[in-house]
């Protein structure tokens, strides 16, 4: 048996042992105080503390990294994972940004600025609302290649192609069409 097969066999034995332990002991019906403290520290300090630091602070003194990993594993600690999800949803709801909240906040800022006579700030808030609502399209056309090497006919053909490709975005008529319209 090669090393890879042995490692896979050992991993399966370890997993079987954990699952067997869970079957014998059963999954706890409620969270312990340490588990709740870990979940709360993990969510409320997200980005500031590592999961291992949260586990250590919650009281998992021996092997905090492994404890943090097991507490975030739904097969081993389903209740903790569920609680972490609930806390995360609660934080998201409290501090999250929705499209409607964003637009209404910009409208409040616009109105407040207009009342104070800060027209520049009011206009900027309204433009930001328009951008958020998709009323403005900020588009840049990046072309590669060297136009110096093209003939005049090739340049005109290229410009017609660009105008045809973007006719729904820009409101320009080609020079030849505008001359026809004038006659």
C-alpha atoms as a PDB file:
ATOM      1  CA  UNK A   1       0.000   0.000   0.000  1.00  0.00           C
ATOM      2  CA  UNK A   2       1.475   3.368  -1.012  1.00  0.00           C
ATOM      3  CA  UNK A   3       1.622   6.458   1.217  1.00  0.00           C
ATOM      4  CA  UNK A   4      -1.311   8.098  -0.520  1.00  0.00           C
ATOM      5  CA  UNK A   5      -3.579   5.100   0.085  1.00  0.00           C
ATOM      6  CA  UNK A   6      -2.435   4.888   3.693  1.00  0.00           C
ATOM      7  CA  UNK A   7      -3.200   8.574   4.245  1.00  0.00           C
ATOM      8  CA  UNK A   8      -6.649   8.180   2.680  1.00  0.00           C
ATOM      9  CA  UNK A   9      -7.338   5.092   4.820  1.00  0.00           C
ATOM     10  CA  UNK A  10      -6.237   6.935   7.974  1.00  0.00           C
ATOM     11  CA  UNK A  11      -8.462   9.916   7.094  1.00  0.00           C
ATOM     12  CA  UNK A  12     -11.428   7.558   6.630  1.00  0.00           C
ATOM     13  CA  UNK A  13     -10.690   5.859   9.953  1.00  0.00           C
ATOM     14  CA  UNK A  14     -10.507   9.249  11.687  1.00  0.00           C
ATOM     15  CA  UNK A  15     -13.794  10.337  10.087  1.00  0.00           C
ATOM     16  CA  UNK A  16     -15.428   7.025  11.047  1.00  0.00           C
ATOM     17  CA  UNK A  17     -14.208   7.499  14.615  1.00  0.00           C
ATOM     18  CA  UNK A  18     -15.704  10.980  14.834  1.00  0.00           C
ATOM     19  CA  UNK A  19     -18.990   9.875  13.284  1.00  0.00           C
ATOM     20  CA  UNK A  20     -19.111   6.831  15.578  1.00  0.00           C
ATOM     21  CA  UNK A  21     -18.464   9.084  18.581  1.00  0.00           C
ATOM     22  CA  UNK A  22     -21.254  11.413  17.461  1.00  0.00           C
ATOM     23  CA  UNK A  23     -23.607   8.425  17.037  1.00  0.00           C
ATOM     24  CA  UNK A  24     -22.743   7.088  20.486  1.00  0.00           C
ATOM     25  CA  UNK A  25     -22.805  10.405  22.274  1.00  0.00           C
ATOM     26  CA  UNK A  26     -25.411  12.000  20.058  1.00  0.00           C
ATOM     27  CA  UNK A  27     -25.413  15.559  18.851  1.00  0.00           C
ATOM     28  CA  UNK A  28     -26.143  17.888  21.762  1.00  0.00           C
ATOM     29  CA  UNK A  29     -29.658  19.317  21.749  1.00  0.00           C
ATOM     30  CA  UNK A  30     -28.535  22.820  22.724  1.00  0.00           C
ATOM     31  CA  UNK A  31     -25.439  24.956  22.600  1.00  0.00           C
ATOM     32  CA  UNK A  32     -23.064  25.255  25.500  1.00  0.00           C
ATOM     33  CA  UNK A  33     -22.045  28.666  26.793  1.00  0.00           C
ATOM     34  CA  UNK A  34     -18.554  28.236  25.324  1.00  0.00           C
ATOM     35  CA  UNK A  35     -19.986  27.395  21.897  1.00  0.00           C
ATOM     36  CA  UNK A  36     -22.253  30.451  21.950  1.00  0.00           C
ATOM     37  CA  UNK A  37     -19.382  32.664  23.092  1.00  0.00           C
ATOM     38  CA  UNK A  38     -17.178  31.309  20.284  1.00  0.00           C
ATOM     39  CA  UNK A  39     -19.867  32.001  17.660  1.00  0.00           C
ATOM     40  CA  UNK A  40     -20.482  35.523  18.957  1.00  0.00           C
ATOM     41  CA  UNK A  41     -16.768  36.344  19.111  1.00  0.00           C
ATOM     42  CA  UNK A  42     -16.322  34.957  15.608  1.00  0.00           C
ATOM     43  CA  UNK A  43     -19.106  37.047  14.063  1.00  0.00           C
ATOM     44  CA  UNK A  44     -18.714  40.277  16.025  1.00  0.00           C
ATOM     45  CA  UNK A  45     -14.926  40.312  15.522  1.00  0.00           C
ATOM     46  CA  UNK A  46     -14.911  39.194  11.912  1.00  0.00           C
ATOM     47  CA  UNK A  47     -11.804  40.486  10.198  1.00  0.00           C
ATOM     48  CA  UNK A  48     -10.202  41.527  13.481  1.00  0.00           C
ATOM     49  CA  UNK A  49      -9.649  38.148  15.130  1.00  0.00           C
ATOM     50  CA  UNK A  50      -8.883  34.751  13.688  1.00  0.00           C
ATOM     51  CA  UNK A  51     -11.179  31.804  14.458  1.00  0.00           C
ATOM     52  CA  UNK A  52      -8.425  30.308  16.638  1.00  0.00           C
ATOM     53  CA  UNK A  53      -8.210  33.524  18.684  1.00  0.00           C
ATOM     54  CA  UNK A  54     -11.993  33.463  19.132  1.00  0.00           C
ATOM     55  CA  UNK A  55     -11.863  29.834  20.286  1.00  0.00           C
ATOM     56  CA  UNK A  56      -9.082  30.608  22.753  1.00  0.00           C
ATOM     57  CA  UNK A  57     -10.977  33.583  24.156  1.00  0.00           C
ATOM     58  CA  UNK A  58     -14.168  31.497  24.394  1.00  0.00           C
ATOM     59  CA  UNK A  59     -12.374  29.030  26.662  1.00  0.00           C
ATOM     60  CA  UNK A  60     -10.957  26.387  24.343  1.00  0.00           C
ATOM     61  CA  UNK A  61      -7.483  26.483  25.890  1.00  0.00           C
ATOM     62  CA  UNK A  62      -6.063  23.275  24.379  1.00  0.00           C
ATOM     63  CA  UNK A  63      -5.901  23.104  20.568  1.00  0.00           C
ATOM     64  CA  UNK A  64      -7.891  26.295  19.834  1.00  0.00           C
ATOM     65  CA  UNK A  65      -7.213  26.042  16.080  1.00  0.00           C
ATOM     66  CA  UNK A  66      -8.655  22.558  15.882  1.00  0.00           C
ATOM     67  CA  UNK A  67     -11.561  23.513  18.128  1.00  0.00           C
ATOM     68  CA  UNK A  68     -12.346  26.488  15.864  1.00  0.00           C
ATOM     69  CA  UNK A  69     -12.248  24.227  12.830  1.00  0.00           C
ATOM     70  CA  UNK A  70     -14.526  21.625  14.404  1.00  0.00           C
ATOM     71  CA  UNK A  71     -16.960  24.258  15.669  1.00  0.00           C
ATOM     72  CA  UNK A  72     -17.339  25.592  12.108  1.00  0.00           C
ATOM     73  CA  UNK A  73     -17.823  22.117  10.611  1.00  0.00           C
ATOM     74  CA  UNK A  74     -21.539  21.323  10.065  1.00  0.00           C
ATOM     75  CA  UNK A  75     -20.959  17.551  10.328  1.00  0.00           C
ATOM     76  CA  UNK A  76     -19.341  17.870  13.734  1.00  0.00           C
ATOM     77  CA  UNK A  77     -21.103  20.905  15.250  1.00  0.00           C
ATOM     78  CA  UNK A  78     -24.349  21.532  13.331  1.00  0.00           C
ATOM     79  CA  UNK A  79     -25.903  23.630  16.089  1.00  0.00           C
ATOM     80  CA  UNK A  80     -22.893  25.935  16.293  1.00  0.00           C
ATOM     81  CA  UNK A  81     -22.848  26.352  12.507  1.00  0.00           C
ATOM     82  CA  UNK A  82     -26.568  27.141  12.534  1.00  0.00           C
ATOM     83  CA  UNK A  83     -26.086  29.693  15.329  1.00  0.00           C
ATOM     84  CA  UNK A  84     -23.179  31.303  13.431  1.00  0.00           C
ATOM     85  CA  UNK A  85     -25.450  31.566  10.379  1.00  0.00           C
ATOM     86  CA  UNK A  86     -28.226  33.162  12.429  1.00  0.00           C
ATOM     87  CA  UNK A  87     -25.822  35.682  13.961  1.00  0.00           C
ATOM     88  CA  UNK A  88     -24.363  36.498  10.560  1.00  0.00           C
ATOM     89  CA  UNK A  89     -27.861  37.059   9.112  1.00  0.00           C
ATOM     90  CA  UNK A  90     -28.744  39.292  12.058  1.00  0.00           C
ATOM     91  CA  UNK A  91     -25.607  41.395  11.593  1.00  0.00           C
ATOM     92  CA  UNK A  92     -26.224  41.564   7.833  1.00  0.00           C
ATOM     93  CA  UNK A  93     -29.768  42.766   8.398  1.00  0.00           C
ATOM     94  CA  UNK A  94     -28.683  45.357  10.921  1.00  0.00           C
ATOM     95  CA  UNK A  95     -25.749  46.788   8.988  1.00  0.00           C
ATOM     96  CA  UNK A  96     -26.441  45.558   5.462  1.00  0.00           C
ATOM     97  CA  UNK A  97     -27.047  47.832   2.539  1.00  0.00           C
ATOM     98  CA  UNK A  98     -30.030  47.241   0.351  1.00  0.00           C
ATOM     99  CA  UNK A  99     -30.811  49.074  -2.850  1.00  0.00           C
ATOM    100  CA  UNK A 100     -33.905  50.689  -1.326  1.00  0.00           C
ATOM    101  CA  UNK A 101     -32.064  51.817   1.831  1.00  0.00           C
ATOM    102  CA  UNK A 102     -29.266  53.235  -0.287  1.00  0.00           C
ATOM    103  CA  UNK A 103     -31.593  55.255  -2.509  1.00  0.00           C
ATOM    104  CA  UNK A 104     -33.634  56.566   0.402  1.00  0.00           C
ATOM    105  CA  UNK A 105     -30.487  57.605   2.302  1.00  0.00           C
ATOM    106  CA  UNK A 106     -29.197  59.459  -0.750  1.00  0.00           C
ATOM    107  CA  UNK A 107     -32.582  61.167  -1.099  1.00  0.00           C
ATOM    108  CA  UNK A 108     -32.418  62.283   2.558  1.00  0.00           C
ATOM    109  CA  UNK A 109     -28.910  63.653   2.023  1.00  0.00           C
ATOM    110  CA  UNK A 110     -30.048  65.485  -1.114  1.00  0.00           C
ATOM    111  CA  UNK A 111     -33.048  67.039   0.647  1.00  0.00           C
ATOM    112  CA  UNK A 112     -30.995  68.009   3.676  1.00  0.00           C
ATOM    113  CA  UNK A 113     -28.315  69.602   1.494  1.00  0.00           C
ATOM    114  CA  UNK A 114     -30.890  71.481  -0.567  1.00  0.00           C
ATOM    115  CA  UNK A 115     -32.530  72.898   2.589  1.00  0.00           C
ATOM    116  CA  UNK A 116     -29.140  74.180   3.765  1.00  0.00           C
ATOM    117  CA  UNK A 117     -28.441  75.696   0.366  1.00  0.00           C
ATOM    118  CA  UNK A 118     -25.551  73.315  -0.313  1.00  0.00           C
ATOM    119  CA  UNK A 119     -26.503  72.856  -3.947  1.00  0.00           C
ATOM    120  CA  UNK A 120     -23.322  71.073  -4.961  1.00  0.00           C
ATOM    121  CA  UNK A 121     -23.817  68.403  -2.300  1.00  0.00           C
ATOM    122  CA  UNK A 122     -27.503  68.068  -3.220  1.00  0.00           C
ATOM    123  CA  UNK A 123     -26.683  67.630  -6.900  1.00  0.00           C
ATOM    124  CA  UNK A 124     -23.948  65.096  -6.111  1.00  0.00           C
ATOM    125  CA  UNK A 125     -26.373  63.073  -3.980  1.00  0.00           C
ATOM    126  CA  UNK A 126     -28.949  63.094  -6.760  1.00  0.00           C
ATOM    127  CA  UNK A 127     -26.349  62.031  -9.342  1.00  0.00           C
ATOM    128  CA  UNK A 128     -25.277  59.208  -7.021  1.00  0.00           C
ATOM    129  CA  UNK A 129     -28.939  58.120  -6.786  1.00  0.00           C
ATOM    130  CA  UNK A 130     -29.154  58.139 -10.567  1.00  0.00           C
ATOM    131  CA  UNK A 131     -26.001  56.060 -10.901  1.00  0.00           C
ATOM    132  CA  UNK A 132     -27.260  53.572  -8.329  1.00  0.00           C
ATOM    133  CA  UNK A 133     -30.555  53.371 -10.196  1.00  0.00           C
ATOM    134  CA  UNK A 134     -28.780  52.719 -13.492  1.00  0.00           C
ATOM    135  CA  UNK A 135     -29.770  55.991 -15.147  1.00  0.00           C
ATOM    136  CA  UNK A 136     -26.191  56.802 -16.099  1.00  0.00           C
ATOM    137  CA  UNK A 137     -23.917  54.558 -18.119  1.00  0.00           C
ATOM    138  CA  UNK A 138     -20.241  55.211 -17.637  1.00  0.00           C
ATOM    139  CA  UNK A 139     -18.643  53.450 -20.559  1.00  0.00           C
ATOM    140  CA  UNK A 140     -15.193  53.670 -22.013  1.00  0.00           C
ATOM    141  CA  UNK A 141     -14.189  52.261 -25.356  1.00  0.00           C
ATOM    142  CA  UNK A 142     -10.639  50.929 -25.379  1.00  0.00           C
ATOM    143  CA  UNK A 143      -9.148  50.248 -28.764  1.00  0.00           C
ATOM    144  CA  UNK A 144      -5.894  48.537 -29.488  1.00  0.00           C
ATOM    145  CA  UNK A 145      -3.894  48.769 -32.644  1.00  0.00           C
ATOM    146  CA  UNK A 146      -2.271  51.495 -34.627  1.00  0.00           C
ATOM    147  CA  UNK A 147      -4.603  53.779 -36.573  1.00  0.00           C
ATOM    148  CA  UNK A 148      -1.690  55.515 -38.327  1.00  0.00           C
ATOM    149  CA  UNK A 149      -1.175  52.532 -40.581  1.00  0.00           C
ATOM    150  CA  UNK A 150      -4.782  52.478 -41.869  1.00  0.00           C
ATOM    151  CA  UNK A 151      -5.891  54.185 -45.043  1.00  0.00           C
ATOM    152  CA  UNK A 152      -8.656  56.800 -45.007  1.00  0.00           C
ATOM    153  CA  UNK A 153     -11.187  54.278 -46.361  1.00  0.00           C
ATOM    154  CA  UNK A 154     -10.222  51.736 -43.691  1.00  0.00           C
ATOM    155  CA  UNK A 155     -10.586  54.392 -40.981  1.00  0.00           C
ATOM    156  CA  UNK A 156     -14.043  55.351 -42.233  1.00  0.00           C
ATOM    157  CA  UNK A 157     -15.073  51.685 -42.371  1.00  0.00           C
ATOM    158  CA  UNK A 158     -13.795  51.195 -38.833  1.00  0.00           C
ATOM    159  CA  UNK A 159     -15.733  54.232 -37.593  1.00  0.00           C
ATOM    160  CA  UNK A 160     -18.917  52.986 -39.299  1.00  0.00           C
ATOM    161  CA  UNK A 161     -18.419  49.608 -37.640  1.00  0.00           C
ATOM    162  CA  UNK A 162     -17.988  51.243 -34.220  1.00  0.00           C
ATOM    163  CA  UNK A 163     -21.116  53.337 -34.732  1.00  0.00           C
ATOM    164  CA  UNK A 164     -23.102  50.284 -35.872  1.00  0.00           C
ATOM    165  CA  UNK A 165     -21.883  48.226 -32.906  1.00  0.00           C
ATOM    166  CA  UNK A 166     -22.836  50.949 -30.432  1.00  0.00           C
ATOM    167  CA  UNK A 167     -25.875  52.544 -32.066  1.00  0.00           C
ATOM    168  CA  UNK A 168     -28.062  51.737 -29.057  1.00  0.00           C
ATOM    169  CA  UNK A 169     -25.634  53.556 -26.725  1.00  0.00           C
ATOM    170  CA  UNK A 170     -24.748  56.672 -28.689  1.00  0.00           C
ATOM    171  CA  UNK A 171     -26.910  59.069 -30.614  1.00  0.00           C
ATOM    172  CA  UNK A 172     -24.644  60.117 -33.489  1.00  0.00           C
ATOM    173  CA  UNK A 173     -25.361  59.744 -37.164  1.00  0.00           C
ATOM    174  CA  UNK A 174     -22.445  59.023 -39.488  1.00  0.00           C
ATOM    175  CA  UNK A 175     -21.303  61.946 -41.641  1.00  0.00           C
ATOM    176  CA  UNK A 176     -22.591  60.386 -44.837  1.00  0.00           C
ATOM    177  CA  UNK A 177     -26.075  59.932 -43.328  1.00  0.00           C
ATOM    178  CA  UNK A 178     -26.172  63.500 -42.017  1.00  0.00           C
ATOM    179  CA  UNK A 179     -25.300  64.819 -45.485  1.00  0.00           C
ATOM    180  CA  UNK A 180     -28.099  62.724 -46.986  1.00  0.00           C
ATOM    181  CA  UNK A 181     -30.527  64.103 -44.402  1.00  0.00           C
ATOM    182  CA  UNK A 182     -29.557  67.681 -45.233  1.00  0.00           C
ATOM    183  CA  UNK A 183     -30.183  67.191 -48.989  1.00  0.00           C
END
